[in-house]
Protein backbone atom coordinates (compact mmCIF):
# COMPACT_ATOMS: atom_id res chain seq x y z
CA MET A 1 -15.82 -19.34 -17.07
CA SER A 2 -19.35 -18.75 -18.50
CA ILE A 3 -21.23 -21.58 -19.91
CA ARG A 4 -24.21 -22.17 -22.18
CA ILE A 5 -25.32 -25.69 -22.14
CA PRO A 6 -28.63 -26.74 -23.74
CA PHE A 7 -30.44 -29.15 -21.52
CA GLY A 8 -33.61 -30.41 -23.40
CA GLU A 9 -35.87 -27.48 -24.09
CA LEU A 10 -33.97 -25.35 -21.42
CA VAL A 11 -30.22 -23.75 -21.30
CA ILE A 12 -27.76 -23.91 -18.42
CA THR A 13 -26.12 -20.60 -18.21
CA SER A 14 -23.24 -19.39 -15.72
CA ASP A 15 -21.90 -16.06 -14.29
CA LYS A 16 -19.33 -15.25 -11.79
CA ASP A 17 -21.85 -16.01 -9.02
CA GLY A 18 -23.60 -19.09 -9.76
CA TYR A 19 -25.60 -21.16 -12.58
CA GLN A 20 -28.93 -20.45 -13.69
CA LEU A 21 -31.66 -22.98 -15.46
CA ASN A 22 -33.39 -20.84 -18.19
CA LYS A 23 -36.43 -21.16 -20.40
CA VAL A 24 -35.92 -20.35 -24.05
CA LYS A 25 -38.54 -17.81 -24.82
CA VAL A 26 -39.75 -15.71 -27.95
CA HIS A 27 -40.67 -12.08 -27.71
CA PRO A 28 -44.14 -11.68 -29.13
CA PRO A 29 -45.13 -9.86 -32.48
CA GLY A 30 -45.73 -6.45 -30.96
CA HIS A 31 -42.86 -6.55 -28.83
CA LYS A 32 -41.27 -2.78 -28.96
CA THR A 33 -37.60 -3.60 -29.84
CA ASN A 34 -37.11 -7.29 -30.50
CA PRO A 35 -40.29 -9.04 -32.15
CA GLY A 36 -39.70 -12.72 -32.77
CA GLU A 37 -36.23 -12.86 -31.02
CA THR A 38 -35.53 -15.50 -28.63
CA TYR A 39 -34.14 -15.02 -25.35
CA LEU A 40 -33.48 -16.79 -22.21
CA ALA A 41 -35.75 -16.07 -18.91
CA PRO A 42 -33.69 -17.89 -15.91
CA PHE A 43 -36.17 -19.46 -13.24
CA ARG A 44 -33.94 -21.62 -11.02
CA TYR A 45 -30.65 -20.63 -9.58
CA TRP A 46 -27.52 -22.19 -7.57
CA THR A 47 -24.21 -21.18 -6.26
CA THR A 48 -22.44 -24.52 -6.78
CA VAL A 49 -21.77 -27.31 -9.61
CA THR A 50 -23.27 -29.83 -6.86
CA ALA A 51 -26.50 -27.92 -6.28
CA LEU A 52 -26.83 -27.39 -9.96
CA PHE A 53 -26.72 -31.30 -10.75
CA ARG A 54 -28.82 -32.02 -7.77
CA GLY A 55 -31.52 -29.13 -8.96
CA LEU A 56 -31.55 -30.37 -12.45
CA CYS A 57 -32.38 -34.03 -11.39
CA GLU A 58 -34.93 -32.82 -9.28
CA HIS A 59 -36.44 -30.83 -12.18
CA ALA A 60 -36.36 -33.90 -14.57
CA VAL A 61 -38.19 -36.05 -12.05
CA ARG A 62 -40.85 -33.19 -11.00
CA ASN A 63 -41.57 -32.66 -14.76
CA SER A 64 -41.84 -36.51 -15.61
CA ASP A 65 -44.84 -38.73 -16.12
CA ALA A 66 -43.35 -41.62 -14.24
CA THR A 67 -45.50 -43.25 -11.72
CA THR A 68 -43.03 -45.71 -10.60
CA LEU A 69 -39.60 -46.24 -9.77
CA GLU A 70 -39.02 -48.49 -12.69
CA GLU A 71 -40.50 -45.66 -15.18
CA LEU A 72 -37.93 -43.24 -13.56
CA LYS A 73 -34.66 -45.50 -14.23
CA PRO A 74 -34.32 -44.72 -18.20
CA LEU A 75 -34.82 -40.89 -17.18
CA LEU A 76 -32.57 -40.81 -14.34
CA ALA A 77 -29.69 -43.01 -16.43
CA ALA A 78 -30.10 -40.22 -19.32
CA HIS A 79 -29.71 -37.51 -16.85
CA THR A 80 -26.48 -39.49 -15.26
CA ARG A 81 -24.90 -39.65 -18.54
CA LEU A 82 -25.78 -35.75 -19.08
CA VAL A 83 -24.60 -34.80 -15.76
CA ALA A 84 -21.32 -36.48 -16.35
CA GLU A 85 -20.98 -34.92 -19.83
CA ILE A 86 -21.58 -31.44 -18.26
CA ARG A 87 -19.10 -32.21 -15.66
CA ALA A 88 -16.32 -33.09 -18.20
CA VAL A 89 -16.97 -29.85 -19.68
CA LEU A 90 -16.79 -27.85 -16.69
CA ASP A 91 -13.65 -29.79 -15.48
CA GLY A 92 -12.10 -28.95 -18.79
CA GLU A 93 -11.83 -32.71 -20.05
CA VAL A 94 -13.87 -31.91 -23.14
CA GLU A 95 -13.66 -28.66 -25.50
C-alpha cells in the first residue's frame, strides 16, 4: 500500500520499504523543466509504522515553542488524535 497523508506543512508517504516524512517544496522560477511546480523532498525515513509514529511525535516536540510540560500537553493530545486517525487509515478501518 502506498500512502500520502498531509501532516501539517509536511506529507507522510510510503513505499514498499518504509515510510517517509517529506517537506513540500516549490521549484524556483529558473528551474529547467518545472518552474513553480511543487514537489516532495523526503528528510526522514522509518521502516515500521511504530517507528514512524515515534518519529512524528519527536518531530512535533522538537519543532514546538513549548518550554514546559503544560505547554506540550495540547500539542501531544493533538498529535495522539492524528496518529490514531493515521493508524485507522493504515489498518483499513477508514477509507
